[in-house]
Every structure is written in structure tokens, then in C-alpha cells.
């Protein structure tokens, strides 16, 4: 039940972020910084592009759960991103991850039942930036 609740909350956060950025209702211009703000709790194996600019990096952890919300922008194409992250989730024992892919949107959601990690990854063209893609990662670890 707790896992479903966590995924539901994560899903709502991601959807609100996607709606806000797609409609231009983001409340303030994000501060874009270098990748040095990658959340420490995010698994080291998770691929982050070399040109990534951090928009949001939030993490939280307790004895029973870790949580990361990480948004970044990159110049990589949607095609390259889709290939990279589809392979990543397959390699990390999430072959049943739900994928929605198009030229303008990518959503991948999956759970590794062995490691008890849940992921939601979205990618959309960044608002008001030339050619940048914005990715949001929501990751939980319930070990």
C-alpha cells in the first residue's frame, strides 16, 4: 500500500510539473546550474548527460525509504534520450516498464521488485529554450 501511495504522489508531482512547463505557468525562471547538483541519493548507474543543466534537485531519506526528484535540461535529441533510458531500464531488470514515446514526449515508469526501486522519468521540450529537452526523474528506494 505504501508503495502505491508513493508512486501516486510521485506521479502527481510529475504531472503537475509537466502541465506547468507545457502551459508556461511555471512561477519563476529556474536557475540552471552545472551537473554538480546531481542528487547524491540518485543511483550512480543512472545516466545523466554531460551537458545536463540542473533545474531542480530534491532528495530525502529515512531509515526505510529514499526519494529523489531531479529535473535537468540537455541538448540531446528525444531519439537519443529514448534509446538511452529504455536501455537503462531494461538493463536494470525493469523490462515491463511502461513507455510512452513520441517526438515531443517520453514517459517511462517502472519498478524493480527485487531492489524495491520505483522510477518515473519524463522528457518534454523545455519551455522558452532553443532546442533543450527537460527531463524529470522521480526515484524511490524502499529498502
C-alpha atoms as a PDB file:
ATOM      1  CA  UNK A   1       0.000   0.000   0.000  1.00  0.00           C
ATOM      2  CA  UNK A   2       2.818   2.385   0.925  1.00  0.00           C
ATOM      3  CA  UNK A   3       4.480   1.746  -2.440  1.00  0.00           C
ATOM      4  CA  UNK A   4       1.294   2.578  -4.336  1.00  0.00           C
ATOM      5  CA  UNK A   5       0.857   5.721  -2.263  1.00  0.00           C
ATOM      6  CA  UNK A   6       4.461   6.804  -3.006  1.00  0.00           C
ATOM      7  CA  UNK A   7       4.041   6.149  -6.727  1.00  0.00           C
ATOM      8  CA  UNK A   8       0.741   8.034  -6.742  1.00  0.00           C
ATOM      9  CA  UNK A   9       2.275  11.085  -5.104  1.00  0.00           C
ATOM     10  CA  UNK A  10       5.306  10.936  -7.425  1.00  0.00           C
ATOM     11  CA  UNK A  11       3.038  10.648 -10.432  1.00  0.00           C
ATOM     12  CA  UNK A  12       1.003  13.665  -9.357  1.00  0.00           C
ATOM     13  CA  UNK A  13       4.174  15.740  -8.847  1.00  0.00           C
ATOM     14  CA  UNK A  14       5.473  14.821 -12.299  1.00  0.00           C
ATOM     15  CA  UNK A  15       2.140  15.524 -13.988  1.00  0.00           C
ATOM     16  CA  UNK A  16       1.858  18.922 -12.302  1.00  0.00           C
ATOM     17  CA  UNK A  17       5.395  19.757 -13.407  1.00  0.00           C
ATOM     18  CA  UNK A  18       4.646  18.671 -16.975  1.00  0.00           C
ATOM     19  CA  UNK A  19       1.408  20.654 -17.091  1.00  0.00           C
ATOM     20  CA  UNK A  20       3.086  23.733 -15.626  1.00  0.00           C
ATOM     21  CA  UNK A  21       6.018  23.680 -18.049  1.00  0.00           C
ATOM     22  CA  UNK A  22       3.860  22.841 -21.070  1.00  0.00           C
ATOM     23  CA  UNK A  23       1.443  25.693 -20.431  1.00  0.00           C
ATOM     24  CA  UNK A  24       4.014  28.233 -19.312  1.00  0.00           C
ATOM     25  CA  UNK A  25       2.658  28.560 -15.769  1.00  0.00           C
ATOM     26  CA  UNK A  26       5.954  27.936 -14.038  1.00  0.00           C
ATOM     27  CA  UNK A  27       6.116  30.530 -11.303  1.00  0.00           C
ATOM     28  CA  UNK A  28       9.731  31.582 -11.719  1.00  0.00           C
ATOM     29  CA  UNK A  29      12.584  31.208 -14.170  1.00  0.00           C
ATOM     30  CA  UNK A  30      14.612  28.193 -12.989  1.00  0.00           C
ATOM     31  CA  UNK A  31      18.204  28.688 -12.038  1.00  0.00           C
ATOM     32  CA  UNK A  32      20.239  26.462 -14.317  1.00  0.00           C
ATOM     33  CA  UNK A  33      23.480  25.166 -12.885  1.00  0.00           C
ATOM     34  CA  UNK A  34      26.026  22.539 -13.799  1.00  0.00           C
ATOM     35  CA  UNK A  35      25.609  18.860 -13.050  1.00  0.00           C
ATOM     36  CA  UNK A  36      27.445  19.257  -9.730  1.00  0.00           C
ATOM     37  CA  UNK A  37      23.977  19.352  -8.131  1.00  0.00           C
ATOM     38  CA  UNK A  38      23.162  15.756  -9.059  1.00  0.00           C
ATOM     39  CA  UNK A  39      21.361  14.320  -6.008  1.00  0.00           C
ATOM     40  CA  UNK A  40      23.647  12.044  -4.012  1.00  0.00           C
ATOM     41  CA  UNK A  41      20.844   9.502  -3.456  1.00  0.00           C
ATOM     42  CA  UNK A  42      20.309   9.018  -7.198  1.00  0.00           C
ATOM     43  CA  UNK A  43      21.918   5.700  -8.180  1.00  0.00           C
ATOM     44  CA  UNK A  44      25.367   6.248  -9.680  1.00  0.00           C
ATOM     45  CA  UNK A  45      24.446   3.988 -12.611  1.00  0.00           C
ATOM     46  CA  UNK A  46      21.679   6.366 -13.752  1.00  0.00           C
ATOM     47  CA  UNK A  47      22.964   8.114 -16.906  1.00  0.00           C
ATOM     48  CA  UNK A  48      22.965  11.911 -16.800  1.00  0.00           C
ATOM     49  CA  UNK A  49      24.194  13.647 -19.983  1.00  0.00           C
ATOM     50  CA  UNK A  50      27.496  15.525 -19.809  1.00  0.00           C
ATOM     51  CA  UNK A  51      25.765  18.760 -20.849  1.00  0.00           C
ATOM     52  CA  UNK A  52      22.998  18.465 -18.214  1.00  0.00           C
ATOM     53  CA  UNK A  53      21.904  21.702 -16.559  1.00  0.00           C
ATOM     54  CA  UNK A  54      20.212  21.178 -13.195  1.00  0.00           C
ATOM     55  CA  UNK A  55      16.816  22.841 -12.790  1.00  0.00           C
ATOM     56  CA  UNK A  56      15.629  21.085  -9.607  1.00  0.00           C
ATOM     57  CA  UNK A  57      17.385  18.647  -7.307  1.00  0.00           C
ATOM     58  CA  UNK A  58      15.494  17.458  -4.235  1.00  0.00           C
ATOM     59  CA  UNK A  59      16.195  14.413  -2.124  1.00  0.00           C
ATOM     60  CA  UNK A  60      15.000  12.974   1.142  1.00  0.00           C
ATOM     61  CA  UNK A  61      15.840   9.828   3.036  1.00  0.00           C
ATOM     62  CA  UNK A  62      14.749   7.965   6.123  1.00  0.00           C
ATOM     63  CA  UNK A  63      15.630   4.579   7.570  1.00  0.00           C
ATOM     64  CA  UNK A  64      13.128   2.882   5.278  1.00  0.00           C
ATOM     65  CA  UNK A  65      12.968   4.977   2.121  1.00  0.00           C
ATOM     66  CA  UNK A  66      14.966   7.289  -0.137  1.00  0.00           C
ATOM     67  CA  UNK A  67      13.355   9.765  -2.529  1.00  0.00           C
ATOM     68  CA  UNK A  68      14.796  11.891  -5.358  1.00  0.00           C
ATOM     69  CA  UNK A  69      13.161  14.469  -7.615  1.00  0.00           C
ATOM     70  CA  UNK A  70      15.674  15.616 -10.226  1.00  0.00           C
ATOM     71  CA  UNK A  71      14.940  17.867 -13.194  1.00  0.00           C
ATOM     72  CA  UNK A  72      17.595  18.763 -15.725  1.00  0.00           C
ATOM     73  CA  UNK A  73      17.915  20.049 -19.280  1.00  0.00           C
ATOM     74  CA  UNK A  74      20.049  18.730 -22.126  1.00  0.00           C
ATOM     75  CA  UNK A  75      20.597  19.305 -25.837  1.00  0.00           C
ATOM     76  CA  UNK A  76      20.345  15.573 -26.626  1.00  0.00           C
ATOM     77  CA  UNK A  77      17.549  14.623 -29.024  1.00  0.00           C
ATOM     78  CA  UNK A  78      14.392  12.838 -27.924  1.00  0.00           C
ATOM     79  CA  UNK A  79      15.513   9.858 -30.010  1.00  0.00           C
ATOM     80  CA  UNK A  80      18.854   9.612 -28.168  1.00  0.00           C
ATOM     81  CA  UNK A  81      17.181  10.058 -24.786  1.00  0.00           C
ATOM     82  CA  UNK A  82      14.560   7.395 -25.529  1.00  0.00           C
ATOM     83  CA  UNK A  83      17.238   4.901 -26.561  1.00  0.00           C
ATOM     84  CA  UNK A  84      19.484   5.651 -23.577  1.00  0.00           C
ATOM     85  CA  UNK A  85      16.792   5.393 -20.919  1.00  0.00           C
ATOM     86  CA  UNK A  86      14.898   2.464 -22.444  1.00  0.00           C
ATOM     87  CA  UNK A  87      18.180   0.518 -22.398  1.00  0.00           C
ATOM     88  CA  UNK A  88      18.906   1.623 -18.836  1.00  0.00           C
ATOM     89  CA  UNK A  89      15.575   0.348 -17.512  1.00  0.00           C
ATOM     90  CA  UNK A  90      15.897  -2.929 -19.411  1.00  0.00           C
ATOM     91  CA  UNK A  91      19.426  -3.467 -18.054  1.00  0.00           C
ATOM     92  CA  UNK A  92      18.209  -2.798 -14.501  1.00  0.00           C
ATOM     93  CA  UNK A  93      15.581  -5.549 -14.501  1.00  0.00           C
ATOM     94  CA  UNK A  94      12.572  -3.435 -15.397  1.00  0.00           C
ATOM     95  CA  UNK A  95      11.614  -4.967 -18.755  1.00  0.00           C
ATOM     96  CA  UNK A  96       7.937  -4.280 -18.038  1.00  0.00           C
ATOM     97  CA  UNK A  97       8.452  -0.545 -17.590  1.00  0.00           C
ATOM     98  CA  UNK A  98       5.611   1.366 -19.230  1.00  0.00           C
ATOM     99  CA  UNK A  99       6.906   3.539 -22.056  1.00  0.00           C
ATOM    100  CA  UNK A 100       5.157   6.343 -23.898  1.00  0.00           C
ATOM    101  CA  UNK A 101       7.353   7.713 -26.643  1.00  0.00           C
ATOM    102  CA  UNK A 102       6.821  10.352 -29.320  1.00  0.00           C
ATOM    103  CA  UNK A 103       8.830  13.181 -30.863  1.00  0.00           C
ATOM    104  CA  UNK A 104       7.508  15.573 -28.206  1.00  0.00           C
ATOM    105  CA  UNK A 105       7.172  13.411 -25.091  1.00  0.00           C
ATOM    106  CA  UNK A 106       8.692  10.469 -23.294  1.00  0.00           C
ATOM    107  CA  UNK A 107       7.341   8.834 -20.150  1.00  0.00           C
ATOM    108  CA  UNK A 108       8.887   5.712 -18.632  1.00  0.00           C
ATOM    109  CA  UNK A 109       7.553   4.261 -15.407  1.00  0.00           C
ATOM    110  CA  UNK A 110       8.757   1.068 -13.770  1.00  0.00           C
ATOM    111  CA  UNK A 111       9.552  -0.837 -10.612  1.00  0.00           C
ATOM    112  CA  UNK A 112      12.320  -3.290  -9.839  1.00  0.00           C
ATOM    113  CA  UNK A 113      10.663  -5.620  -7.340  1.00  0.00           C
ATOM    114  CA  UNK A 114      13.971  -7.156  -6.223  1.00  0.00           C
ATOM    115  CA  UNK A 115      15.740  -3.889  -5.385  1.00  0.00           C
ATOM    116  CA  UNK A 116      12.415  -2.225  -4.408  1.00  0.00           C
ATOM    117  CA  UNK A 117      13.201   0.815  -6.547  1.00  0.00           C
ATOM    118  CA  UNK A 118      10.482   2.707  -8.408  1.00  0.00           C
ATOM    119  CA  UNK A 119      11.103   5.147 -11.253  1.00  0.00           C
ATOM    120  CA  UNK A 120       9.168   7.729 -13.222  1.00  0.00           C
ATOM    121  CA  UNK A 121      11.042   9.538 -15.990  1.00  0.00           C
ATOM    122  CA  UNK A 122       9.519  12.191 -18.229  1.00  0.00           C
ATOM    123  CA  UNK A 123      11.053  14.222 -21.042  1.00  0.00           C
ATOM    124  CA  UNK A 124       9.499  17.134 -22.923  1.00  0.00           C
ATOM    125  CA  UNK A 125      10.884  20.086 -24.875  1.00  0.00           C
ATOM    126  CA  UNK A 126      11.888  22.752 -22.355  1.00  0.00           C
ATOM    127  CA  UNK A 127       9.731  25.872 -22.337  1.00  0.00           C
ATOM    128  CA  UNK A 128      11.343  29.048 -23.708  1.00  0.00           C
ATOM    129  CA  UNK A 129      14.702  27.451 -24.565  1.00  0.00           C
ATOM    130  CA  UNK A 130      16.093  26.720 -28.003  1.00  0.00           C
ATOM    131  CA  UNK A 131      16.271  23.010 -28.549  1.00  0.00           C
ATOM    132  CA  UNK A 132      16.693  21.902 -24.939  1.00  0.00           C
ATOM    133  CA  UNK A 133      14.890  18.850 -23.607  1.00  0.00           C
ATOM    134  CA  UNK A 134      13.770  18.841 -19.981  1.00  0.00           C
ATOM    135  CA  UNK A 135      13.830  15.566 -18.064  1.00  0.00           C
ATOM    136  CA  UNK A 136      12.287  14.920 -14.671  1.00  0.00           C
ATOM    137  CA  UNK A 137      13.250  11.841 -12.684  1.00  0.00           C
ATOM    138  CA  UNK A 138      11.315  10.648  -9.630  1.00  0.00           C
ATOM    139  CA  UNK A 139      13.042   7.767  -7.862  1.00  0.00           C
ATOM    140  CA  UNK A 140      12.168   5.952  -4.655  1.00  0.00           C
ATOM    141  CA  UNK A 141      14.008   3.162  -2.872  1.00  0.00           C
ATOM    142  CA  UNK A 142      12.034   1.365  -0.176  1.00  0.00           C
ATOM    143  CA  UNK A 143      14.758  -0.852   1.290  1.00  0.00           C
END
